[in-house]
PDB file of N, CA and C in Angstrom:
ATOM      1  N   UNK A   1    -153.152-184.603  93.651  1.00  0.00           N
ATOM      2  CA  UNK A   1    -152.946-186.405  92.923  1.00  0.00           C
ATOM      3  C   UNK A   1    -153.241-186.533  92.236  1.00  0.00           C
ATOM      4  N   UNK A   2    -153.061-187.756  91.240  1.00  0.00           N
ATOM      5  CA  UNK A   2    -153.322-188.075  89.998  1.00  0.00           C
ATOM      6  C   UNK A   2    -154.660-188.243  89.739  1.00  0.00           C
ATOM      7  N   UNK A   3    -155.404-188.624  90.618  1.00  0.00           N
ATOM      8  CA  UNK A   3    -157.057-188.336  90.466  1.00  0.00           C
ATOM      9  C   UNK A   3    -157.568-186.885  90.343  1.00  0.00           C
ATOM     10  N   UNK A   4    -156.988-186.372  91.250  1.00  0.00           N
ATOM     11  CA  UNK A   4    -157.398-184.698  91.064  1.00  0.00           C
ATOM     12  C   UNK A   4    -156.909-184.107  89.610  1.00  0.00           C
ATOM     13  N   UNK A   5    -155.904-184.320  88.863  1.00  0.00           N
ATOM     14  CA  UNK A   5    -155.350-183.873  87.645  1.00  0.00           C
ATOM     15  C   UNK A   5    -156.070-184.594  86.420  1.00  0.00           C
ATOM     16  N   UNK A   6    -156.629-185.669  86.797  1.00  0.00           N
ATOM     17  CA  UNK A   6    -157.655-186.582  85.608  1.00  0.00           C
ATOM     18  C   UNK A   6    -158.792-185.578  85.297  1.00  0.00           C
ATOM     19  N   UNK A   7    -159.255-185.445  86.748  1.00  0.00           N
ATOM     20  CA  UNK A   7    -160.758-185.060  86.818  1.00  0.00           C
ATOM     21  C   UNK A   7    -160.649-183.620  86.266  1.00  0.00           C
ATOM     22  N   UNK A   8    -159.436-182.818  86.535  1.00  0.00           N
ATOM     23  CA  UNK A   8    -159.557-181.283  86.226  1.00  0.00           C
ATOM     24  C   UNK A   8    -159.300-181.297  84.927  1.00  0.00           C
ATOM     25  N   UNK A   9    -158.650-182.313  84.442  1.00  0.00           N
ATOM     26  CA  UNK A   9    -158.630-182.242  82.670  1.00  0.00           C
ATOM     27  C   UNK A   9    -159.995-182.454  82.182  1.00  0.00           C
ATOM     28  N   UNK A  10    -160.927-183.078  82.831  1.00  0.00           N
ATOM     29  CA  UNK A  10    -162.300-183.216  82.449  1.00  0.00           C
ATOM     30  C   UNK A  10    -163.161-182.375  82.722  1.00  0.00           C
ATOM     31  N   UNK A  11    -162.475-180.916  83.477  1.00  0.00           N
ATOM     32  CA  UNK A  11    -163.277-179.774  84.040  1.00  0.00           C
ATOM     33  C   UNK A  11    -163.861-180.101  85.152  1.00  0.00           C
ATOM     34  N   UNK A  12    -163.683-181.031  85.913  1.00  0.00           N
ATOM     35  CA  UNK A  12    -164.304-181.394  87.418  1.00  0.00           C
ATOM     36  C   UNK A  12    -163.216-180.600  88.424  1.00  0.00           C
ATOM     37  N   UNK A  13    -163.448-180.020  89.111  1.00  0.00           N
ATOM     38  CA  UNK A  13    -162.697-179.664  90.140  1.00  0.00           C
ATOM     39  C   UNK A  13    -163.318-180.457  91.730  1.00  0.00           C
ATOM     40  N   UNK A  14    -162.385-180.827  92.584  1.00  0.00           N
ATOM     41  CA  UNK A  14    -162.769-181.890  93.659  1.00  0.00           C
ATOM     42  C   UNK A  14    -162.073-180.828  94.810  1.00  0.00           C
ATOM     43  N   UNK A  15    -162.934-180.780  95.748  1.00  0.00           N
ATOM     44  CA  UNK A  15    -162.364-179.965  97.147  1.00  0.00           C
ATOM     45  C   UNK A  15    -162.696-180.751  98.546  1.00  0.00           C
ATOM     46  N   UNK A  16    -161.600-181.275  98.959  1.00  0.00           N
ATOM     47  CA  UNK A  16    -161.726-182.038 100.262  1.00  0.00           C
ATOM     48  C   UNK A  16    -161.855-180.715 101.341  1.00  0.00           C
ATOM     49  N   UNK A  17    -163.423-180.885 101.454  1.00  0.00           N
ATOM     50  CA  UNK A  17    -163.474-179.565 103.203  1.00  0.00           C
ATOM     51  C   UNK A  17    -162.892-180.501 104.236  1.00  0.00           C
ATOM     52  N   UNK A  18    -162.267-179.566 105.415  1.00  0.00           N
ATOM     53  CA  UNK A  18    -162.168-180.129 106.588  1.00  0.00           C
ATOM     54  C   UNK A  18    -162.762-181.043 107.251  1.00  0.00           C
ATOM     55  N   UNK A  19    -164.247-180.920 107.041  1.00  0.00           N
ATOM     56  CA  UNK A  19    -164.905-181.902 107.957  1.00  0.00           C
ATOM     57  C   UNK A  19    -164.951-183.399 107.095  1.00  0.00           C
ATOM     58  N   UNK A  20    -164.479-183.504 105.744  1.00  0.00           N
ATOM     59  CA  UNK A  20    -164.460-184.473 104.990  1.00  0.00           C
ATOM     60  C   UNK A  20    -162.852-185.404 105.291  1.00  0.00           C
ATOM     61  N   UNK A  21    -162.113-184.274 105.607  1.00  0.00           N
ATOM     62  CA  UNK A  21    -160.659-184.623 105.535  1.00  0.00           C
ATOM     63  C   UNK A  21    -160.807-185.434 107.045  1.00  0.00           C
ATOM     64  N   UNK A  22    -161.214-184.925 107.987  1.00  0.00           N
ATOM     65  CA  UNK A  22    -161.545-185.140 109.389  1.00  0.00           C
ATOM     66  C   UNK A  22    -162.073-187.107 109.412  1.00  0.00           C
ATOM     67  N   UNK A  23    -162.995-186.856 108.601  1.00  0.00           N
ATOM     68  CA  UNK A  23    -163.585-188.429 108.239  1.00  0.00           C
ATOM     69  C   UNK A  23    -162.655-189.407 107.712  1.00  0.00           C
ATOM     70  N   UNK A  24    -162.173-189.006 106.824  1.00  0.00           N
ATOM     71  CA  UNK A  24    -161.339-189.932 106.208  1.00  0.00           C
ATOM     72  C   UNK A  24    -160.236-190.421 106.910  1.00  0.00           C
ATOM     73  N   UNK A  25    -159.521-189.489 107.956  1.00  0.00           N
ATOM     74  CA  UNK A  25    -158.687-189.499 108.842  1.00  0.00           C
ATOM     75  C   UNK A  25    -158.931-190.459 110.079  1.00  0.00           C
ATOM     76  N   UNK A  26    -160.322-190.165 110.336  1.00  0.00           N
ATOM     77  CA  UNK A  26    -160.761-191.173 111.666  1.00  0.00           C
ATOM     78  C   UNK A  26    -160.999-192.293 110.919  1.00  0.00           C
ATOM     79  N   UNK A  27    -161.352-192.609 109.862  1.00  0.00           N
ATOM     80  CA  UNK A  27    -161.624-193.811 109.593  1.00  0.00           C
ATOM     81  C   UNK A  27    -160.520-194.833 108.919  1.00  0.00           C
ATOM     82  N   UNK A  28    -159.372-194.146 108.546  1.00  0.00           N
ATOM     83  CA  UNK A  28    -158.260-194.856 108.357  1.00  0.00           C
ATOM     84  C   UNK A  28    -157.002-194.781 108.621  1.00  0.00           C
ATOM     85  N   UNK A  29    -156.660-193.701 109.278  1.00  0.00           N
ATOM     86  CA  UNK A  29    -155.118-193.204 109.954  1.00  0.00           C
ATOM     87  C   UNK A  29    -155.007-193.957 110.963  1.00  0.00           C
ATOM     88  N   UNK A  30    -153.554-194.650 110.675  1.00  0.00           N
ATOM     89  CA  UNK A  30    -153.051-196.012 111.560  1.00  0.00           C
ATOM     90  C   UNK A  30    -151.672-195.539 111.778  1.00  0.00           C
ATOM     91  N   UNK A  31    -151.017-194.974 112.869  1.00  0.00           N
ATOM     92  CA  UNK A  31    -149.829-194.461 112.898  1.00  0.00           C
ATOM     93  C   UNK A  31    -148.595-195.670 112.707  1.00  0.00           C
ATOM     94  N   UNK A  32    -149.136-196.790 112.501  1.00  0.00           N
ATOM     95  CA  UNK A  32    -148.068-197.845 112.555  1.00  0.00           C
ATOM     96  C   UNK A  32    -147.859-198.158 110.833  1.00  0.00           C
ATOM     97  N   UNK A  33    -149.025-197.614 110.103  1.00  0.00           N
ATOM     98  CA  UNK A  33    -148.744-198.157 108.591  1.00  0.00           C
ATOM     99  C   UNK A  33    -148.445-196.768 107.697  1.00  0.00           C
ATOM    100  N   UNK A  34    -148.522-196.030 108.524  1.00  0.00           N
ATOM    101  CA  UNK A  34    -148.546-194.568 107.725  1.00  0.00           C
ATOM    102  C   UNK A  34    -149.601-194.176 106.750  1.00  0.00           C
ATOM    103  N   UNK A  35    -149.244-193.711 105.610  1.00  0.00           N
ATOM    104  CA  UNK A  35    -150.357-193.089 104.689  1.00  0.00           C
ATOM    105  C   UNK A  35    -151.022-194.156 103.930  1.00  0.00           C
ATOM    106  N   UNK A  36    -150.324-195.359 103.894  1.00  0.00           N
ATOM    107  CA  UNK A  36    -150.636-196.587 102.996  1.00  0.00           C
ATOM    108  C   UNK A  36    -152.592-196.765 103.329  1.00  0.00           C
ATOM    109  N   UNK A  37    -153.027-196.728 104.592  1.00  0.00           N
ATOM    110  CA  UNK A  37    -154.337-197.057 104.783  1.00  0.00           C
ATOM    111  C   UNK A  37    -155.329-196.114 104.415  1.00  0.00           C
ATOM    112  N   UNK A  38    -154.406-194.743 104.307  1.00  0.00           N
ATOM    113  CA  UNK A  38    -155.569-193.308 104.070  1.00  0.00           C
ATOM    114  C   UNK A  38    -155.369-193.716 102.449  1.00  0.00           C
ATOM    115  N   UNK A  39    -154.458-194.259 101.844  1.00  0.00           N
ATOM    116  CA  UNK A  39    -154.622-193.989 100.471  1.00  0.00           C
ATOM    117  C   UNK A  39    -155.604-194.999  99.855  1.00  0.00           C
ATOM    118  N   UNK A  40    -155.683-196.097 100.746  1.00  0.00           N
ATOM    119  CA  UNK A  40    -156.214-197.267 100.087  1.00  0.00           C
ATOM    120  C   UNK A  40    -158.067-197.005 100.391  1.00  0.00           C
ATOM    121  N   UNK A  41    -158.223-196.127 101.605  1.00  0.00           N
ATOM    122  CA  UNK A  41    -159.436-195.778 102.287  1.00  0.00           C
ATOM    123  C   UNK A  41    -160.267-194.804 101.006  1.00  0.00           C
ATOM    124  N   UNK A  42    -159.306-193.518 100.508  1.00  0.00           N
ATOM    125  CA  UNK A  42    -159.480-192.926  99.357  1.00  0.00           C
ATOM    126  C   UNK A  42    -159.682-193.531  98.523  1.00  0.00           C
ATOM    127  N   UNK A  43    -159.112-194.548  97.820  1.00  0.00           N
ATOM    128  CA  UNK A  43    -159.570-195.411  96.500  1.00  0.00           C
ATOM    129  C   UNK A  43    -160.520-195.906  96.450  1.00  0.00           C
ATOM    130  N   UNK A  44    -160.950-196.634  97.703  1.00  0.00           N
ATOM    131  CA  UNK A  44    -161.828-197.442  97.757  1.00  0.00           C
ATOM    132  C   UNK A  44    -163.478-196.616  98.120  1.00  0.00           C
ATOM    133  N   UNK A  45    -163.440-195.390  98.385  1.00  0.00           N
ATOM    134  CA  UNK A  45    -164.516-194.943  98.875  1.00  0.00           C
ATOM    135  C   UNK A  45    -164.584-193.451  97.943  1.00  0.00           C
ATOM    136  N   UNK A  46    -163.668-192.675  98.238  1.00  0.00           N
ATOM    137  CA  UNK A  46    -163.685-191.408  97.040  1.00  0.00           C
ATOM    138  C   UNK A  46    -163.845-191.480  95.439  1.00  0.00           C
ATOM    139  N   UNK A  47    -162.694-192.252  95.183  1.00  0.00           N
ATOM    140  CA  UNK A  47    -162.533-192.613  94.009  1.00  0.00           C
ATOM    141  C   UNK A  47    -163.519-193.329  93.213  1.00  0.00           C
ATOM    142  N   UNK A  48    -164.130-194.380  94.229  1.00  0.00           N
ATOM    143  CA  UNK A  48    -165.123-195.178  93.680  1.00  0.00           C
ATOM    144  C   UNK A  48    -166.334-194.132  93.605  1.00  0.00           C
ATOM    145  N   UNK A  49    -166.854-193.406  94.471  1.00  0.00           N
ATOM    146  CA  UNK A  49    -167.946-192.478  94.066  1.00  0.00           C
ATOM    147  C   UNK A  49    -168.001-191.667  93.142  1.00  0.00           C
ATOM    148  N   UNK A  50    -166.467-191.126  93.117  1.00  0.00           N
ATOM    149  CA  UNK A  50    -166.502-189.969  91.932  1.00  0.00           C
ATOM    150  C   UNK A  50    -166.820-190.838  90.615  1.00  0.00           C
ATOM    151  N   UNK A  51    -166.054-191.900  90.574  1.00  0.00           N
ATOM    152  CA  UNK A  51    -166.075-192.590  89.183  1.00  0.00           C
ATOM    153  C   UNK A  51    -167.676-193.057  88.828  1.00  0.00           C
ATOM    154  N   UNK A  52    -168.342-193.566  89.983  1.00  0.00           N
ATOM    155  CA  UNK A  52    -169.702-193.931  89.466  1.00  0.00           C
ATOM    156  C   UNK A  52    -170.493-192.601  89.328  1.00  0.00           C
ATOM    157  N   UNK A  53    -170.249-191.441  89.696  1.00  0.00           N
ATOM    158  CA  UNK A  53    -171.197-190.075  89.404  1.00  0.00           C
ATOM    159  C   UNK A  53    -170.709-189.837  87.949  1.00  0.00           C
ATOM    160  N   UNK A  54    -169.371-189.954  87.555  1.00  0.00           N
ATOM    161  CA  UNK A  54    -169.033-189.686  86.496  1.00  0.00           C
ATOM    162  C   UNK A  54    -169.450-190.761  85.103  1.00  0.00           C
ATOM    163  N   UNK A  55    -169.707-192.013  85.427  1.00  0.00           N
ATOM    164  CA  UNK A  55    -169.993-193.023  84.471  1.00  0.00           C
ATOM    165  C   UNK A  55    -171.449-192.982  84.509  1.00  0.00           C
ATOM    166  N   UNK A  56    -172.163-192.417  85.619  1.00  0.00           N
ATOM    167  CA  UNK A  56    -173.715-192.448  85.333  1.00  0.00           C
ATOM    168  C   UNK A  56    -174.047-191.086  84.629  1.00  0.00           C
ATOM    169  N   UNK A  57    -173.003-189.972  84.597  1.00  0.00           N
ATOM    170  CA  UNK A  57    -173.869-188.917  83.884  1.00  0.00           C
ATOM    171  C   UNK A  57    -174.147-187.772  85.021  1.00  0.00           C
ATOM    172  N   UNK A  58    -173.658-187.823  86.331  1.00  0.00           N
ATOM    173  CA  UNK A  58    -174.302-187.413  87.416  1.00  0.00           C
ATOM    174  C   UNK A  58    -173.148-186.160  87.552  1.00  0.00           C
ATOM    175  N   UNK A  59    -171.870-186.187  87.318  1.00  0.00           N
ATOM    176  CA  UNK A  59    -170.804-185.394  87.464  1.00  0.00           C
ATOM    177  C   UNK A  59    -170.314-185.194  85.979  1.00  0.00           C
ATOM    178  N   UNK A  60    -170.039-183.956  85.596  1.00  0.00           N
ATOM    179  CA  UNK A  60    -169.741-183.523  84.389  1.00  0.00           C
ATOM    180  C   UNK A  60    -168.873-182.620  84.135  1.00  0.00           C
ATOM    181  N   UNK A  61    -167.946-182.363  83.217  1.00  0.00           N
ATOM    182  CA  UNK A  61    -167.056-180.729  83.413  1.00  0.00           C
ATOM    183  C   UNK A  61    -168.214-179.719  83.710  1.00  0.00           C
ATOM    184  N   UNK A  62    -167.340-178.805  84.121  1.00  0.00           N
ATOM    185  CA  UNK A  62    -167.953-177.402  84.766  1.00  0.00           C
ATOM    186  C   UNK A  62    -168.675-177.566  86.036  1.00  0.00           C
ATOM    187  N   UNK A  63    -168.375-178.495  86.914  1.00  0.00           N
ATOM    188  CA  UNK A  63    -169.049-178.854  87.674  1.00  0.00           C
ATOM    189  C   UNK A  63    -167.705-179.125  89.039  1.00  0.00           C
ATOM    190  N   UNK A  64    -168.126-178.506  90.445  1.00  0.00           N
ATOM    191  CA  UNK A  64    -167.173-178.811  91.410  1.00  0.00           C
ATOM    192  C   UNK A  64    -167.813-179.817  92.579  1.00  0.00           C
ATOM    193  N   UNK A  65    -166.759-180.908  93.231  1.00  0.00           N
ATOM    194  CA  UNK A  65    -167.442-181.650  94.148  1.00  0.00           C
ATOM    195  C   UNK A  65    -166.795-181.093  95.643  1.00  0.00           C
ATOM    196  N   UNK A  66    -167.586-180.745  96.396  1.00  0.00           N
ATOM    197  CA  UNK A  66    -167.075-180.700  97.673  1.00  0.00           C
ATOM    198  C   UNK A  66    -167.480-181.870  98.408  1.00  0.00           C
ATOM    199  N   UNK A  67    -166.077-182.822  99.178  1.00  0.00           N
ATOM    200  CA  UNK A  67    -166.678-183.785  99.879  1.00  0.00           C
ATOM    201  C   UNK A  67    -166.508-183.127 101.310  1.00  0.00           C
ATOM    202  N   UNK A  68    -167.723-183.752 102.093  1.00  0.00           N
ATOM    203  CA  UNK A  68    -167.868-183.367 103.589  1.00  0.00           C
ATOM    204  C   UNK A  68    -168.314-184.693 104.403  1.00  0.00           C
ATOM    205  N   UNK A  69    -168.197-184.067 105.744  1.00  0.00           N
ATOM    206  CA  UNK A  69    -168.681-185.093 106.600  1.00  0.00           C
ATOM    207  C   UNK A  69    -170.340-184.767 106.222  1.00  0.00           C
ATOM    208  N   UNK A  70    -170.728-186.285 106.194  1.00  0.00           N
ATOM    209  CA  UNK A  70    -172.410-186.221 106.335  1.00  0.00           C
ATOM    210  C   UNK A  70    -172.826-185.634 107.178  1.00  0.00           C
ATOM    211  N   UNK A  71    -173.654-184.943 107.522  1.00  0.00           N
ATOM    212  CA  UNK A  71    -174.382-184.102 108.665  1.00  0.00           C
ATOM    213  C   UNK A  71    -175.285-184.913 109.451  1.00  0.00           C
ATOM    214  N   UNK A  72    -175.868-185.945 108.666  1.00  0.00           N
ATOM    215  CA  UNK A  72    -177.048-186.591 109.254  1.00  0.00           C
ATOM    216  C   UNK A  72    -176.676-187.062 110.635  1.00  0.00           C
ATOM    217  N   UNK A  73    -177.358-187.581 111.933  1.00  0.00           N
ATOM    218  CA  UNK A  73    -176.759-188.263 113.059  1.00  0.00           C
ATOM    219  C   UNK A  73    -176.771-189.574 113.164  1.00  0.00           C
ATOM    220  N   UNK A  74    -177.817-189.879 112.531  1.00  0.00           N
ATOM    221  CA  UNK A  74    -178.208-191.435 112.346  1.00  0.00           C
ATOM    222  C   UNK A  74    -179.682-191.846 111.399  1.00  0.00           C
ATOM    223  N   UNK A  75    -179.859-193.177 111.682  1.00  0.00           N
ATOM    224  CA  UNK A  75    -180.907-193.710 111.217  1.00  0.00           C
ATOM    225  C   UNK A  75    -182.297-193.182 111.456  1.00  0.00           C
ATOM    226  N   UNK A  76    -182.789-191.943 111.237  1.00  0.00           N
ATOM    227  CA  UNK A  76    -184.012-191.446 111.467  1.00  0.00           C
ATOM    228  C   UNK A  76    -184.051-190.754 112.842  1.00  0.00           C
ATOM    229  N   UNK A  77    -182.861-190.927 113.782  1.00  0.00           N
ATOM    230  CA  UNK A  77    -182.909-190.831 115.210  1.00  0.00           C
ATOM    231  C   UNK A  77    -182.322-189.081 115.391  1.00  0.00           C
ATOM    232  N   UNK A  78    -183.314-188.683 115.888  1.00  0.00           N
ATOM    233  CA  UNK A  78    -182.776-187.232 116.641  1.00  0.00           C
ATOM    234  C   UNK A  78    -181.933-187.331 117.689  1.00  0.00           C
ATOM    235  N   UNK A  79    -181.065-186.609 117.857  1.00  0.00           N
ATOM    236  CA  UNK A  79    -180.203-186.030 118.985  1.00  0.00           C
ATOM    237  C   UNK A  79    -180.822-185.532 119.948  1.00  0.00           C
ATOM    238  N   UNK A  80    -181.063-186.065 121.278  1.00  0.00           N
ATOM    239  CA  UNK A  80    -182.054-185.406 122.446  1.00  0.00           C
ATOM    240  C   UNK A  80    -180.888-185.542 123.633  1.00  0.00           C
ATOM    241  N   UNK A  81    -181.487-185.487 124.903  1.00  0.00           N
ATOM    242  CA  UNK A  81    -180.924-185.521 126.111  1.00  0.00           C
ATOM    243  C   UNK A  81    -180.498-186.898 126.792  1.00  0.00           C
ATOM    244  N   UNK A  82    -181.533-187.374 126.417  1.00  0.00           N
ATOM    245  CA  UNK A  82    -181.589-188.726 126.465  1.00  0.00           C
ATOM    246  C   UNK A  82    -181.166-189.765 125.587  1.00  0.00           C
ATOM    247  N   UNK A  83    -180.834-189.487 124.542  1.00  0.00           N
ATOM    248  CA  UNK A  83    -180.186-190.549 123.155  1.00  0.00           C
ATOM    249  C   UNK A  83    -178.762-190.641 123.149  1.00  0.00           C
ATOM    250  N   UNK A  84    -178.341-191.926 123.739  1.00  0.00           N
ATOM    251  CA  UNK A  84    -176.923-192.095 123.465  1.00  0.00           C
ATOM    252  C   UNK A  84    -176.500-193.381 122.512  1.00  0.00           C
ATOM    253  N   UNK A  85    -175.773-193.047 121.204  1.00  0.00           N
ATOM    254  CA  UNK A  85    -175.839-194.395 120.766  1.00  0.00           C
ATOM    255  C   UNK A  85    -175.138-195.285 121.430  1.00  0.00           C
ATOM    256  N   UNK A  86    -175.533-196.488 121.059  1.00  0.00           N
ATOM    257  CA  UNK A  86    -174.941-197.902 121.769  1.00  0.00           C
ATOM    258  C   UNK A  86    -173.769-197.913 121.482  1.00  0.00           C
ATOM    259  N   UNK A  87    -173.176-197.629 120.618  1.00  0.00           N
ATOM    260  CA  UNK A  87    -171.562-197.522 120.077  1.00  0.00           C
ATOM    261  C   UNK A  87    -171.277-196.661 119.187  1.00  0.00           C
ATOM    262  N   UNK A  88    -170.028-195.845 119.099  1.00  0.00           N
ATOM    263  CA  UNK A  88    -169.603-194.950 118.188  1.00  0.00           C
ATOM    264  C   UNK A  88    -169.633-195.467 116.843  1.00  0.00           C
ATOM    265  N   UNK A  89    -170.554-195.042 115.798  1.00  0.00           N
ATOM    266  CA  UNK A  89    -170.613-195.154 114.571  1.00  0.00           C
ATOM    267  C   UNK A  89    -169.754-193.898 113.632  1.00  0.00           C
ATOM    268  N   UNK A  90    -169.125-195.047 112.412  1.00  0.00           N
ATOM    269  CA  UNK A  90    -168.209-194.033 111.704  1.00  0.00           C
ATOM    270  C   UNK A  90    -168.994-193.368 111.336  1.00  0.00           C
ATOM    271  N   UNK A  91    -168.397-192.021 110.860  1.00  0.00           N
ATOM    272  CA  UNK A  91    -168.822-190.890 110.266  1.00  0.00           C
ATOM    273  C   UNK A  91    -168.890-191.234 108.943  1.00  0.00           C
ATOM    274  N   UNK A  92    -169.866-190.994 107.797  1.00  0.00           N
ATOM    275  CA  UNK A  92    -169.460-190.854 106.215  1.00  0.00           C
ATOM    276  C   UNK A  92    -169.497-189.688 105.576  1.00  0.00           C
ATOM    277  N   UNK A  93    -169.267-189.849 104.261  1.00  0.00           N
ATOM    278  CA  UNK A  93    -169.037-188.748 103.396  1.00  0.00           C
ATOM    279  C   UNK A  93    -169.963-188.443 102.771  1.00  0.00           C
ATOM    280  N   UNK A  94    -170.313-187.062 102.510  1.00  0.00           N
ATOM    281  CA  UNK A  94    -171.329-186.419 101.503  1.00  0.00           C
ATOM    282  C   UNK A  94    -170.555-185.954 100.528  1.00  0.00           C
ATOM    283  N   UNK A  95    -170.997-186.049  99.183  1.00  0.00           N
ATOM    284  CA  UNK A  95    -170.556-185.344  97.995  1.00  0.00           C
ATOM    285  C   UNK A  95    -171.502-184.145  97.728  1.00  0.00           C
ATOM    286  N   UNK A  96    -171.461-183.152  97.628  1.00  0.00           N
ATOM    287  CA  UNK A  96    -172.305-182.025  97.418  1.00  0.00           C
ATOM    288  C   UNK A  96    -171.478-181.300  95.957  1.00  0.00           C
ATOM    289  N   UNK A  97    -172.536-181.500  94.877  1.00  0.00           N
ATOM    290  CA  UNK A  97    -172.081-181.170  93.475  1.00  0.00           C
ATOM    291  C   UNK A  97    -172.843-179.704  93.188  1.00  0.00           C
ATOM    292  N   UNK A  98    -171.949-178.870  92.787  1.00  0.00           N
ATOM    293  CA  UNK A  98    -172.655-177.486  92.423  1.00  0.00           C
ATOM    294  C   UNK A  98    -171.624-177.099  90.923  1.00  0.00           C
ATOM    295  N   UNK A  99    -172.198-176.050  90.126  1.00  0.00           N
ATOM    296  CA  UNK A  99    -171.757-175.672  89.003  1.00  0.00           C
ATOM    297  C   UNK A  99    -170.468-174.899  89.286  1.00  0.00           C
ATOM    298  N   UNK A 100    -169.743-174.954  88.678  1.00  0.00           N
ATOM    299  CA  UNK A 100    -168.079-174.208  89.001  1.00  0.00           C
ATOM    300  C   UNK A 100    -168.430-172.809  88.453  1.00  0.00           C
ATOM    301  N   UNK A 101    -168.049-172.002  89.556  1.00  0.00           N
ATOM    302  CA  UNK A 101    -168.240-170.404  89.064  1.00  0.00           C
ATOM    303  C   UNK A 101    -167.305-169.814  88.234  1.00  0.00           C
ATOM    304  N   UNK A 102    -167.161-169.185  87.151  1.00  0.00           N
ATOM    305  CA  UNK A 102    -166.335-168.807  86.190  1.00  0.00           C
ATOM    306  C   UNK A 102    -165.189-168.075  86.779  1.00  0.00           C
ATOM    307  N   UNK A 103    -165.229-167.175  88.172  1.00  0.00           N
ATOM    308  CA  UNK A 103    -164.525-166.561  88.607  1.00  0.00           C
ATOM    309  C   UNK A 103    -164.815-166.751  90.134  1.00  0.00           C
ATOM    310  N   UNK A 104    -164.137-166.352  91.291  1.00  0.00           N
ATOM    311  CA  UNK A 104    -164.585-166.236  92.434  1.00  0.00           C
ATOM    312  C   UNK A 104    -165.374-165.447  92.491  1.00  0.00           C
ATOM    313  N   UNK A 105    -165.504-164.117  92.119  1.00  0.00           N
ATOM    314  CA  UNK A 105    -166.549-163.199  92.423  1.00  0.00           C
ATOM    315  C   UNK A 105    -167.991-163.712  91.987  1.00  0.00           C
ATOM    316  N   UNK A 106    -168.236-164.690  91.289  1.00  0.00           N
ATOM    317  CA  UNK A 106    -169.154-165.201  90.682  1.00  0.00           C
ATOM    318  C   UNK A 106    -169.717-166.277  91.766  1.00  0.00           C
ATOM    319  N   UNK A 107    -169.130-166.849  92.873  1.00  0.00           N
ATOM    320  CA  UNK A 107    -169.495-167.772  93.814  1.00  0.00           C
ATOM    321  C   UNK A 107    -170.480-167.053  94.690  1.00  0.00           C
ATOM    322  N   UNK A 108    -171.469-167.948  94.845  1.00  0.00           N
ATOM    323  CA  UNK A 108    -172.866-167.733  95.186  1.00  0.00           C
ATOM    324  C   UNK A 108    -172.548-168.528  96.713  1.00  0.00           C
ATOM    325  N   UNK A 109    -172.338-167.393  97.665  1.00  0.00           N
ATOM    326  CA  UNK A 109    -171.865-168.148  98.907  1.00  0.00           C
ATOM    327  C   UNK A 109    -173.108-168.662  99.496  1.00  0.00           C
ATOM    328  N   UNK A 110    -174.262-168.222  99.392  1.00  0.00           N
ATOM    329  CA  UNK A 110    -175.324-169.149  99.999  1.00  0.00           C
ATOM    330  C   UNK A 110    -175.830-170.450  99.503  1.00  0.00           C
ATOM    331  N   UNK A 111    -174.798-170.809  98.590  1.00  0.00           N
ATOM    332  CA  UNK A 111    -175.342-172.285  98.070  1.00  0.00           C
ATOM    333  C   UNK A 111    -176.242-172.108  96.722  1.00  0.00           C
ATOM    334  N   UNK A 112    -176.408-171.124  96.288  1.00  0.00           N
ATOM    335  CA  UNK A 112    -177.237-171.231  95.391  1.00  0.00           C
ATOM    336  C   UNK A 112    -176.520-171.801  93.870  1.00  0.00           C
ATOM    337  N   UNK A 113    -177.020-172.654  93.095  1.00  0.00           N
ATOM    338  CA  UNK A 113    -176.417-173.552  92.185  1.00  0.00           C
ATOM    339  C   UNK A 113    -175.938-174.840  92.400  1.00  0.00           C
ATOM    340  N   UNK A 114    -176.364-175.264  93.775  1.00  0.00           N
ATOM    341  CA  UNK A 114    -176.414-176.514  93.710  1.00  0.00           C
ATOM    342  C   UNK A 114    -177.266-177.272  93.198  1.00  0.00           C
ATOM    343  N   UNK A 115    -176.879-178.559  92.793  1.00  0.00           N
ATOM    344  CA  UNK A 115    -177.508-179.451  92.140  1.00  0.00           C
ATOM    345  C   UNK A 115    -177.932-180.659  92.452  1.00  0.00           C
ATOM    346  N   UNK A 116    -177.020-181.288  93.372  1.00  0.00           N
ATOM    347  CA  UNK A 116    -177.267-182.307  94.083  1.00  0.00           C
ATOM    348  C   UNK A 116    -176.379-182.517  95.285  1.00  0.00           C
ATOM    349  N   UNK A 117    -176.918-183.849  96.042  1.00  0.00           N
ATOM    350  CA  UNK A 117    -176.138-184.061  97.066  1.00  0.00           C
ATOM    351  C   UNK A 117    -175.930-185.681  97.396  1.00  0.00           C
ATOM    352  N   UNK A 118    -175.030-186.053  97.530  1.00  0.00           N
ATOM    353  CA  UNK A 118    -175.243-187.774  97.272  1.00  0.00           C
ATOM    354  C   UNK A 118    -174.296-188.129  98.630  1.00  0.00           C
ATOM    355  N   UNK A 119    -175.066-188.920  99.518  1.00  0.00           N
ATOM    356  CA  UNK A 119    -174.446-189.457 100.533  1.00  0.00           C
ATOM    357  C   UNK A 119    -174.060-190.935 100.326  1.00  0.00           C
ATOM    358  N   UNK A 120    -172.637-191.385 100.909  1.00  0.00           N
ATOM    359  CA  UNK A 120    -172.131-192.630 101.168  1.00  0.00           C
ATOM    360  C   UNK A 120    -172.289-192.858 102.349  1.00  0.00           C
ATOM    361  N   UNK A 121    -172.273-194.597 102.461  1.00  0.00           N
ATOM    362  CA  UNK A 121    -172.257-195.098 103.913  1.00  0.00           C
ATOM    363  C   UNK A 121    -171.955-196.414 104.053  1.00  0.00           C
TER     364      UNK A 121
END
């Protein structure tokens, strides 16, 4: 996409993880309107969040952003056999920023190098 290309020109990589793609589709896909609602959702959420990170200096060249589903269950509640949410709440996205490895062999699979995690909701 144009956004991904512009970020790459600044030295920023963006990876939409499978869980993040599922959140995007759950929140925006409508078979009656095709891809338009998905594009609108991406612009209003993902592009806005990435723009704020760049403007604040939180995201700079040499870093990769992994866009994933937010793993938290809810507002301070833990899941147990007796807890059922009153209604299905939309999952949110989180943005995990880590130093971009110079090569794939430099990538540390256990997460070393992670510098920040931002959640949206």
